C-alpha atoms as a PDB file:
ATOM      1  CA  UNK A   1      -4.667  21.135  -3.032  1.00  0.00           C
ATOM      2  CA  UNK A   2      -2.814  18.306  -4.346  1.00  0.00           C
ATOM      3  CA  UNK A   3      -0.364  16.876  -1.674  1.00  0.00           C
ATOM      4  CA  UNK A   4       2.781  14.634  -2.500  1.00  0.00           C
ATOM      5  CA  UNK A   5       2.075  11.096  -1.156  1.00  0.00           C
ATOM      6  CA  UNK A   6       5.462   9.225  -1.885  1.00  0.00           C
ATOM      7  CA  UNK A   7       7.306  12.023   0.591  1.00  0.00           C
ATOM      8  CA  UNK A   8       5.698   9.854   3.432  1.00  0.00           C
ATOM      9  CA  UNK A   9       4.409   6.676   1.870  1.00  0.00           C
ATOM     10  CA  UNK A  10       7.298   4.835   0.595  1.00  0.00           C
ATOM     11  CA  UNK A  11       4.715   1.875  -0.939  1.00  0.00           C
ATOM     12  CA  UNK A  12       3.377   4.900  -3.591  1.00  0.00           C
ATOM     13  CA  UNK A  13       4.929   5.820  -7.012  1.00  0.00           C
ATOM     14  CA  UNK A  14       3.986   9.303  -7.859  1.00  0.00           C
ATOM     15  CA  UNK A  15       3.262  10.655 -11.311  1.00  0.00           C
ATOM     16  CA  UNK A  16       2.888  13.921 -11.636  1.00  0.00           C
ATOM     17  CA  UNK A  17       2.030  15.731 -15.138  1.00  0.00           C
ATOM     18  CA  UNK A  18       1.667  19.451 -16.200  1.00  0.00           C
ATOM     19  CA  UNK A  19       1.101  20.868 -19.522  1.00  0.00           C
ATOM     20  CA  UNK A  20       2.663  24.205 -21.821  1.00  0.00           C
ATOM     21  CA  UNK A  21      -0.553  25.813 -21.113  1.00  0.00           C
ATOM     22  CA  UNK A  22       0.365  25.563 -17.789  1.00  0.00           C
ATOM     23  CA  UNK A  23       3.878  27.599 -18.700  1.00  0.00           C
ATOM     24  CA  UNK A  24       1.704  29.999 -20.919  1.00  0.00           C
ATOM     25  CA  UNK A  25      -0.937  30.873 -18.599  1.00  0.00           C
ATOM     26  CA  UNK A  26       2.190  32.134 -16.057  1.00  0.00           C
ATOM     27  CA  UNK A  27       3.515  34.700 -17.992  1.00  0.00           C
ATOM     28  CA  UNK A  28       6.992  36.013 -19.099  1.00  0.00           C
ATOM     29  CA  UNK A  29       7.789  36.265 -15.458  1.00  0.00           C
ATOM     30  CA  UNK A  30       7.409  32.915 -14.661  1.00  0.00           C
ATOM     31  CA  UNK A  31       9.358  31.614 -17.921  1.00  0.00           C
ATOM     32  CA  UNK A  32      12.359  33.819 -16.503  1.00  0.00           C
ATOM     33  CA  UNK A  33      12.267  31.954 -13.035  1.00  0.00           C
ATOM     34  CA  UNK A  34      12.045  28.875 -14.640  1.00  0.00           C
ATOM     35  CA  UNK A  35      15.118  29.485 -16.430  1.00  0.00           C
ATOM     36  CA  UNK A  36      16.688  30.816 -13.447  1.00  0.00           C
ATOM     37  CA  UNK A  37      16.589  26.907 -12.016  1.00  0.00           C
ATOM     38  CA  UNK A  38      18.327  25.492 -14.868  1.00  0.00           C
ATOM     39  CA  UNK A  39      22.223  24.715 -14.575  1.00  0.00           C
ATOM     40  CA  UNK A  40      24.424  26.132 -17.176  1.00  0.00           C
ATOM     41  CA  UNK A  41      24.588  23.064 -19.672  1.00  0.00           C
ATOM     42  CA  UNK A  42      20.626  22.585 -19.366  1.00  0.00           C
ATOM     43  CA  UNK A  43      20.334  26.341 -20.330  1.00  0.00           C
ATOM     44  CA  UNK A  44      22.752  25.453 -23.337  1.00  0.00           C
ATOM     45  CA  UNK A  45      20.651  22.876 -24.247  1.00  0.00           C
ATOM     46  CA  UNK A  46      17.291  24.598 -24.078  1.00  0.00           C
ATOM     47  CA  UNK A  47      18.984  27.638 -26.331  1.00  0.00           C
ATOM     48  CA  UNK A  48      20.070  24.725 -29.116  1.00  0.00           C
ATOM     49  CA  UNK A  49      16.480  23.987 -29.704  1.00  0.00           C
ATOM     50  CA  UNK A  50      14.766  25.373 -32.747  1.00  0.00           C
ATOM     51  CA  UNK A  51      11.126  25.809 -32.195  1.00  0.00           C
ATOM     52  CA  UNK A  52       9.485  27.330 -29.416  1.00  0.00           C
ATOM     53  CA  UNK A  53       7.429  24.197 -28.672  1.00  0.00           C
ATOM     54  CA  UNK A  54      10.711  22.120 -28.134  1.00  0.00           C
ATOM     55  CA  UNK A  55      12.365  24.545 -25.921  1.00  0.00           C
ATOM     56  CA  UNK A  56       9.116  24.989 -23.731  1.00  0.00           C
ATOM     57  CA  UNK A  57       8.728  21.471 -23.520  1.00  0.00           C
ATOM     58  CA  UNK A  58      12.335  20.982 -22.046  1.00  0.00           C
ATOM     59  CA  UNK A  59      12.300  23.582 -19.865  1.00  0.00           C
ATOM     60  CA  UNK A  60       8.721  22.528 -18.226  1.00  0.00           C
ATOM     61  CA  UNK A  61      10.253  18.805 -18.035  1.00  0.00           C
ATOM     62  CA  UNK A  62      12.938  20.220 -15.951  1.00  0.00           C
ATOM     63  CA  UNK A  63      11.092  22.381 -13.875  1.00  0.00           C
ATOM     64  CA  UNK A  64       8.754  19.775 -12.839  1.00  0.00           C
ATOM     65  CA  UNK A  65      11.556  17.218 -12.239  1.00  0.00           C
ATOM     66  CA  UNK A  66      13.397  19.985  -9.887  1.00  0.00           C
ATOM     67  CA  UNK A  67      10.428  21.142  -8.026  1.00  0.00           C
ATOM     68  CA  UNK A  68       9.155  17.254  -7.473  1.00  0.00           C
ATOM     69  CA  UNK A  69      12.735  15.617  -6.287  1.00  0.00           C
ATOM     70  CA  UNK A  70      13.743  18.672  -4.205  1.00  0.00           C
ATOM     71  CA  UNK A  71      10.316  18.535  -2.201  1.00  0.00           C
ATOM     72  CA  UNK A  72      11.197  14.868  -1.851  1.00  0.00           C
ATOM     73  CA  UNK A  73      14.749  15.278  -0.816  1.00  0.00           C
ATOM     74  CA  UNK A  74      13.816  18.481   1.321  1.00  0.00           C
ATOM     75  CA  UNK A  75      15.863  21.061  -0.538  1.00  0.00           C
ATOM     76  CA  UNK A  76      15.108  23.873  -2.543  1.00  0.00           C
ATOM     77  CA  UNK A  77      14.262  23.291  -6.319  1.00  0.00           C
ATOM     78  CA  UNK A  78      17.824  25.089  -7.242  1.00  0.00           C
ATOM     79  CA  UNK A  79      19.501  23.065  -4.444  1.00  0.00           C
ATOM     80  CA  UNK A  80      19.580  19.515  -5.090  1.00  0.00           C
ATOM     81  CA  UNK A  81      22.572  17.659  -5.960  1.00  0.00           C
ATOM     82  CA  UNK A  82      22.061  17.654  -9.868  1.00  0.00           C
ATOM     83  CA  UNK A  83      24.069  15.739 -12.466  1.00  0.00           C
ATOM     84  CA  UNK A  84      23.790  15.101 -16.335  1.00  0.00           C
ATOM     85  CA  UNK A  85      23.180  11.106 -16.486  1.00  0.00           C
ATOM     86  CA  UNK A  86      23.489   9.104 -19.751  1.00  0.00           C
ATOM     87  CA  UNK A  87      21.760  10.668 -22.882  1.00  0.00           C
ATOM     88  CA  UNK A  88      21.710  13.870 -21.276  1.00  0.00           C
ATOM     89  CA  UNK A  89      18.961  13.096 -18.690  1.00  0.00           C
ATOM     90  CA  UNK A  90      19.054  14.759 -15.218  1.00  0.00           C
ATOM     91  CA  UNK A  91      20.178  12.397 -12.322  1.00  0.00           C
ATOM     92  CA  UNK A  92      20.451  12.720  -8.487  1.00  0.00           C
ATOM     93  CA  UNK A  93      24.418  13.176  -7.958  1.00  0.00           C
ATOM     94  CA  UNK A  94      24.166  10.855  -4.450  1.00  0.00           C
ATOM     95  CA  UNK A  95      25.212   7.487  -4.858  1.00  0.00           C
ATOM     96  CA  UNK A  96      23.115   6.604  -1.882  1.00  0.00           C
ATOM     97  CA  UNK A  97      19.604   8.578  -3.282  1.00  0.00           C
ATOM     98  CA  UNK A  98      16.517   7.560  -1.714  1.00  0.00           C
ATOM     99  CA  UNK A  99      14.764   7.772  -4.910  1.00  0.00           C
ATOM    100  CA  UNK A 100      14.469   7.974  -8.717  1.00  0.00           C
ATOM    101  CA  UNK A 101      13.001   9.646 -11.010  1.00  0.00           C
ATOM    102  CA  UNK A 102      12.123   9.605 -14.908  1.00  0.00           C
ATOM    103  CA  UNK A 103      10.515  12.269 -17.093  1.00  0.00           C
ATOM    104  CA  UNK A 104       8.712  12.121 -20.331  1.00  0.00           C
ATOM    105  CA  UNK A 105       6.862  14.375 -22.599  1.00  0.00           C
ATOM    106  CA  UNK A 106       4.877  14.309 -25.716  1.00  0.00           C
ATOM    107  CA  UNK A 107       2.380  16.985 -27.715  1.00  0.00           C
ATOM    108  CA  UNK A 108       2.131  19.212 -24.899  1.00  0.00           C
ATOM    109  CA  UNK A 109       1.962  16.932 -22.122  1.00  0.00           C
ATOM    110  CA  UNK A 110       4.899  16.404 -19.315  1.00  0.00           C
ATOM    111  CA  UNK A 111       5.259  13.647 -16.848  1.00  0.00           C
ATOM    112  CA  UNK A 112       7.404  12.913 -13.865  1.00  0.00           C
ATOM    113  CA  UNK A 113       7.549   9.703 -12.088  1.00  0.00           C
ATOM    114  CA  UNK A 114       9.155   9.392  -8.606  1.00  0.00           C
ATOM    115  CA  UNK A 115       9.846   6.016  -6.561  1.00  0.00           C
ATOM    116  CA  UNK A 116      11.567   5.454  -3.351  1.00  0.00           C
ATOM    117  CA  UNK A 117      11.213   1.478  -4.339  1.00  0.00           C
ATOM    118  CA  UNK A 118      13.761   1.353  -6.889  1.00  0.00           C
ATOM    119  CA  UNK A 119      14.228   2.268 -10.898  1.00  0.00           C
ATOM    120  CA  UNK A 120      11.244   3.968 -12.679  1.00  0.00           C
ATOM    121  CA  UNK A 121      10.381   4.431 -15.929  1.00  0.00           C
ATOM    122  CA  UNK A 122       7.893   6.525 -17.261  1.00  0.00           C
ATOM    123  CA  UNK A 123       6.270   6.889 -20.982  1.00  0.00           C
ATOM    124  CA  UNK A 124       3.706   9.258 -22.751  1.00  0.00           C
ATOM    125  CA  UNK A 125       2.173   8.972 -25.909  1.00  0.00           C
ATOM    126  CA  UNK A 126      -0.490  11.227 -27.687  1.00  0.00           C
ATOM    127  CA  UNK A 127      -3.486   9.026 -28.462  1.00  0.00           C
ATOM    128  CA  UNK A 128      -4.406  10.822 -31.669  1.00  0.00           C
ATOM    129  CA  UNK A 129      -0.823  11.082 -33.190  1.00  0.00           C
ATOM    130  CA  UNK A 130      -1.088  10.422 -36.744  1.00  0.00           C
ATOM    131  CA  UNK A 131      -0.222   8.646 -39.114  1.00  0.00           C
ATOM    132  CA  UNK A 132       1.363   5.662 -37.623  1.00  0.00           C
ATOM    133  CA  UNK A 133       2.868   3.109 -40.223  1.00  0.00           C
ATOM    134  CA  UNK A 134       1.248  -0.247 -39.909  1.00  0.00           C
ATOM    135  CA  UNK A 135       4.795  -1.629 -40.799  1.00  0.00           C
ATOM    136  CA  UNK A 136       5.728  -0.846 -37.096  1.00  0.00           C
ATOM    137  CA  UNK A 137       3.441  -3.698 -35.496  1.00  0.00           C
ATOM    138  CA  UNK A 138       5.490  -6.337 -36.454  1.00  0.00           C
ATOM    139  CA  UNK A 139       8.877  -4.639 -35.785  1.00  0.00           C
ATOM    140  CA  UNK A 140       7.650  -3.724 -32.589  1.00  0.00           C
ATOM    141  CA  UNK A 141       5.065  -6.411 -30.875  1.00  0.00           C
ATOM    142  CA  UNK A 142       5.197  -9.868 -30.311  1.00  0.00           C
ATOM    143  CA  UNK A 143       3.155 -12.244 -32.271  1.00  0.00           C
ATOM    144  CA  UNK A 144       0.370 -12.151 -29.403  1.00  0.00           C
ATOM    145  CA  UNK A 145       0.522  -8.649 -29.460  1.00  0.00           C
ATOM    146  CA  UNK A 146       0.272  -8.034 -33.115  1.00  0.00           C
ATOM    147  CA  UNK A 147      -2.614 -10.327 -33.311  1.00  0.00           C
ATOM    148  CA  UNK A 148      -4.721  -7.922 -30.675  1.00  0.00           C
ATOM    149  CA  UNK A 149      -3.659  -5.049 -32.592  1.00  0.00           C
ATOM    150  CA  UNK A 150      -4.917  -6.365 -35.546  1.00  0.00           C
ATOM    151  CA  UNK A 151      -8.102  -7.457 -34.020  1.00  0.00           C
ATOM    152  CA  UNK A 152      -8.777  -3.945 -32.964  1.00  0.00           C
ATOM    153  CA  UNK A 153      -9.248  -3.240 -37.076  1.00  0.00           C
ATOM    154  CA  UNK A 154      -9.711   0.751 -37.202  1.00  0.00           C
ATOM    155  CA  UNK A 155      -8.488   1.357 -33.705  1.00  0.00           C
ATOM    156  CA  UNK A 156      -5.211  -0.675 -34.137  1.00  0.00           C
ATOM    157  CA  UNK A 157      -3.249   2.418 -33.646  1.00  0.00           C
ATOM    158  CA  UNK A 158      -4.415   3.144 -30.101  1.00  0.00           C
ATOM    159  CA  UNK A 159      -3.940  -0.588 -29.215  1.00  0.00           C
ATOM    160  CA  UNK A 160      -0.147  -0.232 -30.751  1.00  0.00           C
ATOM    161  CA  UNK A 161       0.486   2.687 -28.456  1.00  0.00           C
ATOM    162  CA  UNK A 162      -0.586   1.123 -25.239  1.00  0.00           C
ATOM    163  CA  UNK A 163       2.203  -1.724 -25.938  1.00  0.00           C
ATOM    164  CA  UNK A 164       4.450   0.806 -26.902  1.00  0.00           C
ATOM    165  CA  UNK A 165       4.059   3.310 -24.021  1.00  0.00           C
ATOM    166  CA  UNK A 166       4.397   0.290 -21.852  1.00  0.00           C
ATOM    167  CA  UNK A 167       7.598  -1.098 -23.787  1.00  0.00           C
ATOM    168  CA  UNK A 168       9.319   2.625 -23.640  1.00  0.00           C
ATOM    169  CA  UNK A 169       8.442   2.779 -20.115  1.00  0.00           C
ATOM    170  CA  UNK A 170      10.445  -0.432 -18.891  1.00  0.00           C
ATOM    171  CA  UNK A 171      13.173   0.195 -21.399  1.00  0.00           C
ATOM    172  CA  UNK A 172      13.623   3.767 -19.670  1.00  0.00           C
ATOM    173  CA  UNK A 173      13.416   1.977 -16.494  1.00  0.00           C
ATOM    174  CA  UNK A 174      16.323  -0.078 -16.713  1.00  0.00           C
ATOM    175  CA  UNK A 175      18.201   2.519 -18.771  1.00  0.00           C
ATOM    176  CA  UNK A 176      18.416   0.766 -22.431  1.00  0.00           C
ATOM    177  CA  UNK A 177      16.893   2.366 -25.452  1.00  0.00           C
ATOM    178  CA  UNK A 178      14.876   0.897 -28.287  1.00  0.00           C
ATOM    179  CA  UNK A 179      17.725  -0.689 -30.037  1.00  0.00           C
ATOM    180  CA  UNK A 180      16.830  -3.785 -28.192  1.00  0.00           C
ATOM    181  CA  UNK A 181      14.622  -6.582 -29.966  1.00  0.00           C
ATOM    182  CA  UNK A 182      11.023  -5.102 -28.994  1.00  0.00           C
ATOM    183  CA  UNK A 183       9.330  -8.119 -29.405  1.00  0.00           C
ATOM    184  CA  UNK A 184      11.044  -9.492 -26.610  1.00  0.00           C
ATOM    185  CA  UNK A 185       9.511  -6.831 -24.350  1.00  0.00           C
ATOM    186  CA  UNK A 186       6.158  -8.260 -24.235  1.00  0.00           C
ATOM    187  CA  UNK A 187       3.137  -7.195 -22.374  1.00  0.00           C
ATOM    188  CA  UNK A 188      -0.228  -8.623 -21.760  1.00  0.00           C
ATOM    189  CA  UNK A 189      -2.913  -6.091 -21.205  1.00  0.00           C
ATOM    190  CA  UNK A 190      -4.627  -6.813 -17.822  1.00  0.00           C
ATOM    191  CA  UNK A 191      -7.964  -5.547 -16.664  1.00  0.00           C
ATOM    192  CA  UNK A 192      -7.178  -1.486 -16.262  1.00  0.00           C
ATOM    193  CA  UNK A 193      -4.879  -0.067 -15.184  1.00  0.00           C
ATOM    194  CA  UNK A 194      -2.723  -2.820 -14.881  1.00  0.00           C
ATOM    195  CA  UNK A 195      -0.238  -4.655 -17.488  1.00  0.00           C
ATOM    196  CA  UNK A 196       1.619  -7.898 -17.430  1.00  0.00           C
ATOM    197  CA  UNK A 197       5.008  -8.313 -18.600  1.00  0.00           C
ATOM    198  CA  UNK A 198       5.122 -11.868 -20.513  1.00  0.00           C
ATOM    199  CA  UNK A 199       8.530 -11.389 -22.545  1.00  0.00           C
ATOM    200  CA  UNK A 200      11.608 -13.410 -22.454  1.00  0.00           C
ATOM    201  CA  UNK A 201      14.094  -9.874 -21.849  1.00  0.00           C
ATOM    202  CA  UNK A 202      16.505 -10.912 -19.435  1.00  0.00           C
ATOM    203  CA  UNK A 203      16.132  -9.914 -15.794  1.00  0.00           C
ATOM    204  CA  UNK A 204      12.568  -8.450 -16.327  1.00  0.00           C
ATOM    205  CA  UNK A 205      10.583 -11.438 -15.862  1.00  0.00           C
ATOM    206  CA  UNK A 206      10.090 -10.422 -12.052  1.00  0.00           C
ATOM    207  CA  UNK A 207       9.851  -7.495  -9.514  1.00  0.00           C
ATOM    208  CA  UNK A 208       8.341  -5.237 -11.667  1.00  0.00           C
ATOM    209  CA  UNK A 209       4.876  -3.358 -11.494  1.00  0.00           C
ATOM    210  CA  UNK A 210       3.428  -1.949 -15.191  1.00  0.00           C
ATOM    211  CA  UNK A 211       0.312   0.501 -15.191  1.00  0.00           C
ATOM    212  CA  UNK A 212      -0.837   1.982 -18.255  1.00  0.00           C
ATOM    213  CA  UNK A 213      -3.588   4.718 -18.011  1.00  0.00           C
ATOM    214  CA  UNK A 214      -5.263   7.270 -19.964  1.00  0.00           C
ATOM    215  CA  UNK A 215      -4.513  11.143 -18.653  1.00  0.00           C
ATOM    216  CA  UNK A 216      -6.332  14.008 -20.246  1.00  0.00           C
ATOM    217  CA  UNK A 217      -6.289  15.737 -22.611  1.00  0.00           C
ATOM    218  CA  UNK A 218      -5.780  12.908 -24.769  1.00  0.00           C
ATOM    219  CA  UNK A 219      -2.879  10.780 -24.095  1.00  0.00           C
ATOM    220  CA  UNK A 220      -1.506   7.250 -22.581  1.00  0.00           C
ATOM    221  CA  UNK A 221       0.761   7.408 -19.460  1.00  0.00           C
ATOM    222  CA  UNK A 222       2.674   4.381 -18.786  1.00  0.00           C
ATOM    223  CA  UNK A 223       4.561   3.403 -15.420  1.00  0.00           C
ATOM    224  CA  UNK A 224       7.269   0.617 -14.815  1.00  0.00           C
ATOM    225  CA  UNK A 225       8.521   0.740 -11.147  1.00  0.00           C
ATOM    226  CA  UNK A 226      10.855  -1.964 -10.034  1.00  0.00           C
ATOM    227  CA  UNK A 227       9.304  -3.676  -6.709  1.00  0.00           C
ATOM    228  CA  UNK A 228      12.125  -5.978  -5.382  1.00  0.00           C
ATOM    229  CA  UNK A 229       9.916  -7.189  -2.646  1.00  0.00           C
ATOM    230  CA  UNK A 230       6.885  -8.120  -4.954  1.00  0.00           C
ATOM    231  CA  UNK A 231       4.408  -5.991  -3.189  1.00  0.00           C
ATOM    232  CA  UNK A 232       2.415  -4.229  -5.752  1.00  0.00           C
ATOM    233  CA  UNK A 233       3.008  -0.291  -4.999  1.00  0.00           C
ATOM    234  CA  UNK A 234       0.280   2.376  -5.536  1.00  0.00           C
ATOM    235  CA  UNK A 235       0.244   4.684  -8.660  1.00  0.00           C
ATOM    236  CA  UNK A 236      -0.601   7.873  -7.459  1.00  0.00           C
ATOM    237  CA  UNK A 237      -1.391  10.760 -10.442  1.00  0.00           C
ATOM    238  CA  UNK A 238      -2.002  14.174  -9.804  1.00  0.00           C
ATOM    239  CA  UNK A 239      -1.400  17.424 -11.629  1.00  0.00           C
ATOM    240  CA  UNK A 240       1.657  19.405 -10.842  1.00  0.00           C
ATOM    241  CA  UNK A 241      -0.124  21.845  -7.832  1.00  0.00           C
ATOM    242  CA  UNK A 242       0.376  25.775  -8.978  1.00  0.00           C
ATOM    243  CA  UNK A 243       2.204  26.773  -5.624  1.00  0.00           C
ATOM    244  CA  UNK A 244       4.913  24.474  -6.557  1.00  0.00           C
ATOM    245  CA  UNK A 245       5.916  26.692  -9.944  1.00  0.00           C
ATOM    246  CA  UNK A 246       9.108  28.871  -9.210  1.00  0.00           C
END
């Protein structure tokens, strides 16, 4: 049985993950119970998706967030103070909330990062996602990052996705979109799973921890966690426990 660490230890950032297959394995009753957790506006969004896979990814993400955050706050999954934040993302309707969280999904995998340290962002990308346009490299990468991508030869897509996932995690943590000049959000890949921010983006030169690692079945997950005191936290990855499903 997996137990959450950040409920007791403030130096831990928890990253929980689950898949569409986990939902399918639980049958129609689990789907109905999951839908029952959603706010009316969330159910409206759920109904607007045209494709089953998109609806299911949305639903799983909301169930994952509600379950994880509820346990961190010590309330039931349907009881925590919820609000819809910028761009429709779920948020905690408390200015003094003791934690922050962020969701991401890609190709059947959903992840939720939770931190008591400060803002947190998470992104996930499928490692076998093809095709990618090589023209994305100079538009998204700083010159040193682009040189590293080019040096990988036939594996350039994989390295590009590592940088892309790190950039997305940071921009989500600070509440910005990819409309910023992405080459300014620059990273250096360190011995796995760490990464170092080396960019010139305002306000991001200190006080952050970044981590990138592969997660089954074929994904990269990047985490950006604010660490104001400069002490690096432990980033704890674990599957969403079976007993937490509604």
